[in-house]
């Protein structure tokens, strides 16, 4: 980076100007000789002013705002409608939130249902990668249930 009487030209500035020249050459707006001359001038430029002289005569697309221009001094071709954009973003976020809440409610409902039916006991061995253990758990569940039923029968019989 070199400094002289104007602002210094950085490598990024040179690369941006060279890319702009390549685009204009590819679009057919510059001849090969003119492209090479301007490219040499871009890499010889020491200040931003010299770099600007190389690219100023190129046709510009859209609004070009020179550096150092006051904020809001140039009209943008497509103004940003912040209110409309905010409304769209809020509605999109609300839709995402509604889908997330519905998914969480469904998961909670499913978990409670599985918990109440004690199906989670049989799911644990499958999740752990031990399918043979699910049969053992099922057998234990049946034996515990039959024992509980046997105890209930004896209590009821003793009351009668």
N, C-alpha and C. Protein backbone atom coordinates (compact mmCIF):
# COMPACT_ATOMS: atom_id res chain seq x y z
N UNK A 1 0.85 -1.17 0.00
CA UNK A 1 0.00 0.00 0.00
C UNK A 1 0.89 1.23 0.00
N UNK A 2 0.67 2.15 -0.93
CA UNK A 2 1.50 3.35 -1.03
C UNK A 2 0.68 4.57 -0.71
N UNK A 3 1.33 5.57 -0.12
CA UNK A 3 0.63 6.82 0.22
C UNK A 3 1.32 7.98 -0.47
N UNK A 4 0.52 8.82 -1.14
CA UNK A 4 1.03 10.04 -1.74
C UNK A 4 0.09 11.16 -1.36
N UNK A 5 -0.15 12.10 -2.25
CA UNK A 5 -0.96 13.28 -1.90
C UNK A 5 -2.43 12.93 -1.64
N UNK A 6 -2.98 11.84 -2.18
CA UNK A 6 -4.38 11.49 -1.95
C UNK A 6 -4.49 10.31 -1.00
N UNK A 7 -5.69 9.74 -0.96
CA UNK A 7 -5.89 8.56 -0.11
C UNK A 7 -5.17 7.36 -0.71
N UNK A 8 -4.73 6.47 0.13
CA UNK A 8 -3.95 5.31 -0.31
C UNK A 8 -4.84 4.30 -1.01
N UNK A 9 -4.27 3.61 -2.00
CA UNK A 9 -4.96 2.55 -2.70
C UNK A 9 -4.57 1.23 -2.06
N UNK A 10 -5.57 0.45 -1.70
CA UNK A 10 -5.30 -0.85 -1.11
C UNK A 10 -5.39 -1.92 -2.18
N UNK A 11 -4.93 -3.10 -1.85
CA UNK A 11 -5.03 -4.22 -2.79
C UNK A 11 -6.49 -4.56 -3.08
N UNK A 12 -7.35 -4.40 -2.08
CA UNK A 12 -8.78 -4.67 -2.28
C UNK A 12 -9.37 -3.69 -3.29
N UNK A 13 -8.94 -2.41 -3.22
CA UNK A 13 -9.42 -1.41 -4.19
C UNK A 13 -8.98 -1.79 -5.59
N UNK A 14 -7.71 -2.18 -5.72
CA UNK A 14 -7.19 -2.56 -7.04
C UNK A 14 -7.93 -3.79 -7.56
N UNK A 15 -8.15 -4.76 -6.71
CA UNK A 15 -8.86 -5.98 -7.14
C UNK A 15 -10.28 -5.67 -7.57
N UNK A 16 -10.96 -4.79 -6.84
CA UNK A 16 -12.33 -4.42 -7.19
C UNK A 16 -12.37 -3.69 -8.54
N UNK A 17 -11.41 -2.79 -8.77
CA UNK A 17 -11.37 -2.07 -10.04
C UNK A 17 -11.04 -3.02 -11.19
N UNK A 18 -10.12 -3.95 -10.96
CA UNK A 18 -9.77 -4.92 -12.00
C UNK A 18 -10.97 -5.82 -12.31
N UNK A 19 -11.71 -6.22 -11.29
CA UNK A 19 -12.91 -7.05 -11.51
C UNK A 19 -13.95 -6.27 -12.32
N UNK A 20 -14.09 -4.99 -12.01
CA UNK A 20 -15.04 -4.15 -12.74
C UNK A 20 -14.62 -4.05 -14.20
N UNK A 21 -13.33 -3.89 -14.46
CA UNK A 21 -12.84 -3.84 -15.84
C UNK A 21 -13.08 -5.17 -16.56
N UNK A 22 -12.86 -6.27 -15.87
CA UNK A 22 -13.08 -7.58 -16.49
C UNK A 22 -14.56 -7.77 -16.86
N UNK A 23 -15.45 -7.30 -15.99
CA UNK A 23 -16.89 -7.41 -16.29
C UNK A 23 -17.25 -6.60 -17.53
N UNK A 24 -16.71 -5.40 -17.62
CA UNK A 24 -17.02 -4.56 -18.79
C UNK A 24 -16.41 -5.14 -20.05
N UNK A 25 -15.23 -5.73 -19.94
CA UNK A 25 -14.62 -6.37 -21.11
C UNK A 25 -15.44 -7.58 -21.54
N UNK A 26 -15.91 -8.38 -20.56
CA UNK A 26 -16.71 -9.56 -20.89
C UNK A 26 -18.04 -9.16 -21.52
N UNK A 27 -18.58 -8.00 -21.12
CA UNK A 27 -19.84 -7.53 -21.68
C UNK A 27 -19.65 -6.89 -23.05
N UNK A 28 -18.40 -6.74 -23.48
CA UNK A 28 -18.13 -6.17 -24.80
C UNK A 28 -18.10 -4.66 -24.82
N UNK A 29 -17.99 -4.02 -23.67
CA UNK A 29 -17.98 -2.57 -23.60
C UNK A 29 -16.57 -2.00 -23.73
N UNK A 30 -15.56 -2.86 -23.67
CA UNK A 30 -14.17 -2.44 -23.81
C UNK A 30 -13.49 -3.33 -24.84
N UNK A 31 -12.62 -2.72 -25.65
CA UNK A 31 -11.81 -3.53 -26.56
C UNK A 31 -10.65 -4.13 -25.78
N UNK A 32 -9.95 -5.07 -26.40
CA UNK A 32 -8.84 -5.73 -25.72
C UNK A 32 -7.73 -4.74 -25.40
N UNK A 33 -7.40 -3.85 -26.34
CA UNK A 33 -6.35 -2.86 -26.09
C UNK A 33 -6.73 -1.90 -24.96
N UNK A 34 -7.98 -1.43 -24.99
CA UNK A 34 -8.44 -0.51 -23.95
C UNK A 34 -8.46 -1.20 -22.59
N UNK A 35 -8.89 -2.48 -22.57
CA UNK A 35 -8.90 -3.24 -21.33
C UNK A 35 -7.50 -3.38 -20.76
N UNK A 36 -6.52 -3.71 -21.59
CA UNK A 36 -5.15 -3.88 -21.12
C UNK A 36 -4.56 -2.56 -20.63
N UNK A 37 -4.84 -1.47 -21.36
CA UNK A 37 -4.33 -0.16 -20.93
C UNK A 37 -4.92 0.24 -19.58
N UNK A 38 -6.21 0.04 -19.43
CA UNK A 38 -6.85 0.41 -18.16
C UNK A 38 -6.38 -0.50 -17.03
N UNK A 39 -6.18 -1.77 -17.30
CA UNK A 39 -5.71 -2.69 -16.28
C UNK A 39 -4.30 -2.31 -15.82
N UNK A 40 -3.44 -1.92 -16.76
CA UNK A 40 -2.11 -1.43 -16.38
C UNK A 40 -2.22 -0.18 -15.53
N UNK A 41 -3.14 0.72 -15.89
CA UNK A 41 -3.32 1.95 -15.12
C UNK A 41 -3.83 1.66 -13.71
N UNK A 42 -4.68 0.62 -13.58
CA UNK A 42 -5.19 0.25 -12.25
C UNK A 42 -4.04 -0.19 -11.35
N UNK A 43 -3.14 -1.00 -11.87
CA UNK A 43 -2.03 -1.49 -11.05
C UNK A 43 -0.93 -0.46 -10.85
N UNK A 44 -0.90 0.60 -11.68
CA UNK A 44 0.04 1.69 -11.47
C UNK A 44 -0.49 2.76 -10.52
N UNK A 45 -1.80 2.78 -10.32
CA UNK A 45 -2.43 3.84 -9.51
C UNK A 45 -1.89 3.80 -8.08
N UNK A 46 -1.58 4.99 -7.56
CA UNK A 46 -1.06 5.11 -6.20
C UNK A 46 -2.10 5.70 -5.25
N UNK A 47 -3.05 6.45 -5.79
CA UNK A 47 -4.08 7.08 -4.96
C UNK A 47 -5.46 6.66 -5.45
N UNK A 48 -6.43 6.88 -4.61
CA UNK A 48 -7.81 6.56 -4.98
C UNK A 48 -8.27 7.45 -6.12
N UNK A 49 -7.79 8.67 -6.17
CA UNK A 49 -8.14 9.59 -7.24
C UNK A 49 -7.67 9.04 -8.59
N UNK A 50 -6.45 8.54 -8.66
CA UNK A 50 -5.94 7.96 -9.91
C UNK A 50 -6.73 6.71 -10.30
N UNK A 51 -7.08 5.94 -9.32
CA UNK A 51 -7.88 4.74 -9.59
C UNK A 51 -9.26 5.12 -10.10
N UNK A 52 -9.82 6.19 -9.54
CA UNK A 52 -11.13 6.65 -9.98
C UNK A 52 -11.12 7.15 -11.41
N UNK A 53 -10.01 7.76 -11.82
CA UNK A 53 -9.91 8.26 -13.20
C UNK A 53 -9.92 7.11 -14.20
N UNK A 54 -9.41 5.96 -13.80
CA UNK A 54 -9.39 4.80 -14.70
C UNK A 54 -10.79 4.25 -14.89
N UNK A 55 -11.59 4.21 -13.84
CA UNK A 55 -12.91 3.57 -13.91
C UNK A 55 -14.07 4.54 -14.07
N UNK A 56 -13.85 5.85 -14.01
CA UNK A 56 -14.95 6.80 -14.08
C UNK A 56 -15.66 6.81 -15.43
N UNK A 57 -14.93 6.63 -16.50
CA UNK A 57 -15.56 6.72 -17.82
C UNK A 57 -16.30 5.45 -18.22
N UNK A 58 -16.29 4.43 -17.38
CA UNK A 58 -17.03 3.21 -17.68
C UNK A 58 -18.52 3.43 -17.45
N UNK A 59 -19.37 2.79 -18.23
CA UNK A 59 -20.82 2.93 -17.98
C UNK A 59 -21.19 2.27 -16.66
N UNK A 60 -22.00 2.98 -15.88
CA UNK A 60 -22.41 2.48 -14.58
C UNK A 60 -23.82 1.93 -14.65
N UNK A 61 -24.04 0.86 -13.92
CA UNK A 61 -25.38 0.28 -13.82
C UNK A 61 -25.96 0.65 -12.48
N UNK A 62 -27.16 1.18 -12.45
CA UNK A 62 -27.80 1.53 -11.19
C UNK A 62 -27.23 2.83 -10.64
N UNK A 63 -27.52 3.09 -9.40
CA UNK A 63 -27.07 4.32 -8.75
C UNK A 63 -25.65 4.13 -8.24
N UNK A 64 -24.78 5.05 -8.56
CA UNK A 64 -23.41 5.02 -8.08
C UNK A 64 -23.24 6.15 -7.09
N UNK A 65 -22.85 5.82 -5.89
CA UNK A 65 -22.68 6.82 -4.84
C UNK A 65 -21.19 7.02 -4.62
N UNK A 66 -20.69 8.22 -4.86
CA UNK A 66 -19.26 8.44 -4.66
C UNK A 66 -18.88 8.35 -3.19
N UNK A 67 -17.63 7.98 -2.88
CA UNK A 67 -17.22 7.90 -1.48
C UNK A 67 -17.25 9.26 -0.82
N UNK A 68 -17.70 9.28 0.42
CA UNK A 68 -17.77 10.53 1.17
C UNK A 68 -19.05 11.31 0.96
N UNK A 69 -20.01 10.76 0.23
CA UNK A 69 -21.28 11.45 0.01
C UNK A 69 -22.09 11.44 1.29
N UNK A 70 -22.83 12.53 1.56
CA UNK A 70 -23.64 12.56 2.78
C UNK A 70 -24.73 11.49 2.76
N UNK A 71 -25.03 10.98 3.94
CA UNK A 71 -26.02 9.93 4.08
C UNK A 71 -27.39 10.42 3.62
N UNK A 72 -28.02 9.65 2.77
CA UNK A 72 -29.36 9.98 2.31
C UNK A 72 -29.38 11.01 1.19
N UNK A 73 -28.23 11.38 0.64
CA UNK A 73 -28.21 12.40 -0.40
C UNK A 73 -28.60 11.86 -1.76
N UNK A 74 -28.55 10.54 -1.93
CA UNK A 74 -28.89 9.94 -3.21
C UNK A 74 -30.14 9.09 -3.04
N UNK A 75 -31.01 9.18 -4.03
CA UNK A 75 -32.23 8.38 -4.02
C UNK A 75 -31.90 6.98 -4.53
N UNK A 76 -32.34 6.00 -3.82
CA UNK A 76 -32.13 4.63 -4.23
C UNK A 76 -33.22 4.25 -5.21
N UNK A 77 -32.88 3.47 -6.21
CA UNK A 77 -33.84 3.11 -7.24
C UNK A 77 -34.98 2.27 -6.67
N UNK A 78 -34.70 1.34 -5.79
CA UNK A 78 -35.72 0.49 -5.17
C UNK A 78 -35.68 0.75 -3.67
N UNK A 79 -36.53 1.64 -3.18
CA UNK A 79 -36.47 1.97 -1.76
C UNK A 79 -36.88 0.77 -0.90
N UNK A 80 -36.23 0.66 0.22
CA UNK A 80 -36.50 -0.41 1.17
C UNK A 80 -37.72 -0.03 2.00
N UNK A 81 -38.73 -0.86 1.94
CA UNK A 81 -39.94 -0.62 2.72
C UNK A 81 -39.81 -1.40 4.03
N UNK A 82 -39.31 -0.70 5.04
CA UNK A 82 -39.01 -1.37 6.32
C UNK A 82 -40.27 -1.90 7.00
N UNK A 83 -41.38 -1.19 6.89
CA UNK A 83 -42.61 -1.63 7.55
C UNK A 83 -43.10 -2.93 6.93
N UNK A 84 -43.07 -3.00 5.60
CA UNK A 84 -43.52 -4.21 4.92
C UNK A 84 -42.58 -5.38 5.23
N UNK A 85 -41.28 -5.10 5.22
CA UNK A 85 -40.32 -6.16 5.52
C UNK A 85 -40.48 -6.65 6.95
N UNK A 86 -40.71 -5.74 7.89
CA UNK A 86 -40.90 -6.13 9.28
C UNK A 86 -42.15 -6.98 9.43
N UNK A 87 -43.23 -6.62 8.73
CA UNK A 87 -44.46 -7.40 8.81
C UNK A 87 -44.25 -8.81 8.27
N UNK A 88 -43.51 -8.94 7.18
CA UNK A 88 -43.24 -10.26 6.61
C UNK A 88 -42.38 -11.07 7.56
N UNK A 89 -41.36 -10.46 8.14
CA UNK A 89 -40.48 -11.18 9.06
C UNK A 89 -41.23 -11.63 10.31
N UNK A 90 -42.08 -10.75 10.84
CA UNK A 90 -42.85 -11.10 12.05
C UNK A 90 -43.80 -12.25 11.75
N UNK A 91 -44.47 -12.19 10.60
CA UNK A 91 -45.40 -13.27 10.28
C UNK A 91 -44.65 -14.59 10.05
N UNK A 92 -43.47 -14.53 9.43
CA UNK A 92 -42.68 -15.75 9.23
C UNK A 92 -42.21 -16.31 10.57
N UNK A 93 -41.76 -15.45 11.45
CA UNK A 93 -41.31 -15.91 12.77
C UNK A 93 -42.45 -16.49 13.59
N UNK A 94 -43.63 -15.88 13.48
CA UNK A 94 -44.80 -16.41 14.19
C UNK A 94 -45.20 -17.78 13.64
N UNK A 95 -45.10 -17.95 12.33
CA UNK A 95 -45.42 -19.25 11.74
C UNK A 95 -44.43 -20.31 12.21
N UNK A 96 -43.16 -19.96 12.25
CA UNK A 96 -42.14 -20.90 12.74
C UNK A 96 -42.39 -21.23 14.20
N UNK A 97 -42.72 -20.22 14.99
CA UNK A 97 -43.02 -20.44 16.40
C UNK A 97 -44.24 -21.34 16.58
N UNK A 98 -45.28 -21.14 15.78
CA UNK A 98 -46.48 -21.96 15.88
C UNK A 98 -46.18 -23.41 15.54
N UNK A 99 -45.38 -23.63 14.52
CA UNK A 99 -45.01 -25.00 14.15
C UNK A 99 -44.19 -25.64 15.26
N UNK A 100 -43.27 -24.88 15.84
CA UNK A 100 -42.45 -25.41 16.94
C UNK A 100 -43.28 -25.75 18.16
N UNK A 101 -44.22 -24.88 18.51
CA UNK A 101 -45.09 -25.15 19.67
C UNK A 101 -45.95 -26.38 19.41
N UNK A 102 -46.49 -26.49 18.19
CA UNK A 102 -47.32 -27.65 17.87
C UNK A 102 -46.49 -28.94 17.96
N UNK A 103 -45.26 -28.90 17.49
CA UNK A 103 -44.40 -30.09 17.56
C UNK A 103 -44.08 -30.44 19.01
N UNK A 104 -43.83 -29.43 19.84
CA UNK A 104 -43.54 -29.71 21.26
C UNK A 104 -44.77 -30.28 21.97
N UNK A 105 -45.94 -29.74 21.68
CA UNK A 105 -47.16 -30.26 22.29
C UNK A 105 -47.37 -31.71 21.88
N UNK A 106 -47.13 -32.01 20.61
CA UNK A 106 -47.29 -33.40 20.15
C UNK A 106 -46.30 -34.32 20.84
N UNK A 107 -45.06 -33.88 21.00
CA UNK A 107 -44.06 -34.71 21.68
C UNK A 107 -44.40 -34.92 23.15
N UNK A 108 -44.89 -33.89 23.81
CA UNK A 108 -45.28 -34.03 25.22
C UNK A 108 -46.46 -34.97 25.34
N UNK A 109 -47.43 -34.84 24.45
CA UNK A 109 -48.59 -35.73 24.48
C UNK A 109 -48.16 -37.18 24.27
N UNK A 110 -47.28 -37.42 23.30
CA UNK A 110 -46.80 -38.77 23.03
C UNK A 110 -46.00 -39.32 24.20
N UNK A 111 -45.15 -38.48 24.80
CA UNK A 111 -44.35 -38.94 25.94
C UNK A 111 -45.24 -39.30 27.13
N UNK A 112 -46.24 -38.47 27.41
CA UNK A 112 -47.15 -38.78 28.53
C UNK A 112 -47.92 -40.06 28.28
N UNK A 113 -48.35 -40.24 27.04
CA UNK A 113 -49.11 -41.45 26.72
C UNK A 113 -48.23 -42.69 26.88
N UNK A 114 -46.99 -42.60 26.40
CA UNK A 114 -46.08 -43.73 26.55
C UNK A 114 -45.75 -43.97 28.02
N UNK A 115 -45.59 -42.92 28.78
CA UNK A 115 -45.26 -43.06 30.19
C UNK A 115 -46.39 -43.75 30.95
N UNK A 116 -47.64 -43.32 30.68
CA UNK A 116 -48.78 -43.90 31.38
C UNK A 116 -48.98 -45.37 31.03
N UNK A 117 -48.67 -45.76 29.82
CA UNK A 117 -48.85 -47.14 29.41
C UNK A 117 -47.61 -47.98 29.69
N UNK A 118 -46.60 -47.40 30.26
CA UNK A 118 -45.33 -48.05 30.56
C UNK A 118 -44.67 -48.63 29.33
N UNK A 119 -44.95 -48.06 28.17
CA UNK A 119 -44.33 -48.53 26.94
C UNK A 119 -42.88 -48.11 26.87
N UNK A 120 -42.50 -47.10 27.62
CA UNK A 120 -41.11 -46.65 27.60
C UNK A 120 -40.17 -47.72 28.12
N UNK A 121 -40.70 -48.60 28.99
CA UNK A 121 -39.87 -49.67 29.53
C UNK A 121 -39.42 -50.61 28.41
N UNK A 122 -40.31 -50.87 27.47
CA UNK A 122 -39.95 -51.74 26.36
C UNK A 122 -39.14 -51.01 25.30
N UNK A 123 -39.22 -49.69 25.27
CA UNK A 123 -38.48 -48.94 24.25
C UNK A 123 -37.02 -48.76 24.63
N UNK A 124 -36.71 -48.78 25.92
CA UNK A 124 -35.33 -48.55 26.37
C UNK A 124 -34.36 -49.58 25.79
N UNK A 125 -34.63 -50.88 25.82
CA UNK A 125 -33.67 -51.83 25.25
C UNK A 125 -33.48 -51.64 23.75
N UNK A 126 -34.53 -51.29 23.04
CA UNK A 126 -34.40 -51.07 21.60
C UNK A 126 -33.52 -49.88 21.31
N UNK A 127 -33.68 -48.82 22.09
CA UNK A 127 -32.86 -47.62 21.90
C UNK A 127 -31.42 -47.92 22.27
N UNK A 128 -31.22 -48.74 23.28
CA UNK A 128 -29.87 -49.10 23.72
C UNK A 128 -29.21 -50.09 22.78
N UNK A 129 -29.93 -50.62 21.81
CA UNK A 129 -29.35 -51.55 20.86
C UNK A 129 -29.33 -52.99 21.34
N UNK A 130 -30.21 -53.32 22.27
CA UNK A 130 -30.28 -54.67 22.82
C UNK A 130 -31.70 -55.22 22.63
N UNK A 131 -32.06 -55.67 21.42
CA UNK A 131 -33.45 -56.12 21.19
C UNK A 131 -33.82 -57.34 22.01
N UNK A 132 -32.88 -58.18 22.37
CA UNK A 132 -33.20 -59.36 23.18
C UNK A 132 -33.66 -58.96 24.57
N UNK A 133 -33.19 -57.79 25.03
CA UNK A 133 -33.55 -57.34 26.36
C UNK A 133 -35.02 -56.92 26.44
N UNK A 134 -35.58 -56.51 25.30
CA UNK A 134 -36.99 -56.11 25.32
C UNK A 134 -37.90 -57.29 25.68
N UNK A 135 -37.52 -58.52 25.25
CA UNK A 135 -38.31 -59.69 25.63
C UNK A 135 -38.22 -59.94 27.13
N UNK A 136 -37.03 -59.74 27.68
CA UNK A 136 -36.87 -59.94 29.12
C UNK A 136 -37.69 -58.91 29.89
N UNK A 137 -37.70 -57.69 29.40
CA UNK A 137 -38.48 -56.63 30.07
C UNK A 137 -39.96 -56.95 29.97
N UNK A 138 -40.40 -57.43 28.82
CA UNK A 138 -41.81 -57.77 28.66
C UNK A 138 -42.21 -58.90 29.60
N UNK A 139 -41.34 -59.89 29.74
CA UNK A 139 -41.62 -61.00 30.66
C UNK A 139 -41.68 -60.50 32.11
N UNK A 140 -40.77 -59.61 32.47
CA UNK A 140 -40.78 -59.06 33.82
C UNK A 140 -42.04 -58.26 34.06
N UNK A 141 -42.44 -57.50 33.06
CA UNK A 141 -43.66 -56.71 33.20
C UNK A 141 -44.88 -57.61 33.39
N UNK A 142 -44.95 -58.68 32.63
CA UNK A 142 -46.07 -59.61 32.77
C UNK A 142 -46.07 -60.27 34.14
N UNK A 143 -44.87 -60.66 34.61
CA UNK A 143 -44.82 -61.32 35.92
C UNK A 143 -45.18 -60.34 37.02
N UNK A 144 -44.73 -59.09 36.92
CA UNK A 144 -45.08 -58.10 37.94
C UNK A 144 -46.57 -57.80 37.92
N UNK A 145 -47.12 -57.72 36.71
CA UNK A 145 -48.55 -57.45 36.61
C UNK A 145 -49.35 -58.63 37.17
N UNK A 146 -48.91 -59.84 36.87
CA UNK A 146 -49.66 -61.00 37.39
C UNK A 146 -49.52 -61.11 38.91
N UNK A 147 -48.35 -60.75 39.44
CA UNK A 147 -48.16 -60.76 40.90
C UNK A 147 -49.05 -59.72 41.56
N UNK A 148 -49.13 -58.52 40.92
CA UNK A 148 -49.99 -57.47 41.47
C UNK A 148 -51.45 -57.92 41.44
N UNK A 149 -51.84 -58.56 40.37
CA UNK A 149 -53.21 -59.08 40.29
C UNK A 149 -53.45 -60.16 41.34
N UNK A 150 -52.46 -61.03 41.57
CA UNK A 150 -52.59 -62.07 42.58
C UNK A 150 -52.75 -61.46 43.96
N UNK A 151 -51.96 -60.40 44.27
CA UNK A 151 -52.07 -59.73 45.57
C UNK A 151 -53.42 -59.04 45.71
N UNK A 152 -53.89 -58.44 44.67
CA UNK A 152 -55.19 -57.79 44.70
C UNK A 152 -56.29 -58.84 44.94
N UNK A 153 -56.19 -60.00 44.32
CA UNK A 153 -57.18 -61.04 44.51
C UNK A 153 -57.18 -61.54 45.95
N UNK A 154 -56.00 -61.71 46.54
CA UNK A 154 -55.94 -62.18 47.92
C UNK A 154 -56.48 -61.13 48.87
N UNK A 155 -56.22 -59.85 48.63
CA UNK A 155 -56.78 -58.81 49.49
C UNK A 155 -58.29 -58.79 49.43
N UNK A 156 -58.80 -58.88 48.23
CA UNK A 156 -60.25 -58.86 48.07
C UNK A 156 -60.88 -60.11 48.70
N UNK A 157 -60.21 -61.21 48.57
CA UNK A 157 -60.75 -62.46 49.16
C UNK A 157 -60.72 -62.39 50.68
N UNK A 158 -59.70 -61.76 51.24
CA UNK A 158 -59.62 -61.67 52.69
C UNK A 158 -60.66 -60.72 53.27
N UNK A 159 -61.10 -59.76 52.52
CA UNK A 159 -62.13 -58.82 52.98
C UNK A 159 -63.51 -59.45 52.95
N UNK A 160 -63.70 -60.34 52.08
CA UNK A 160 -65.04 -60.92 51.91
C UNK A 160 -65.39 -61.95 52.94
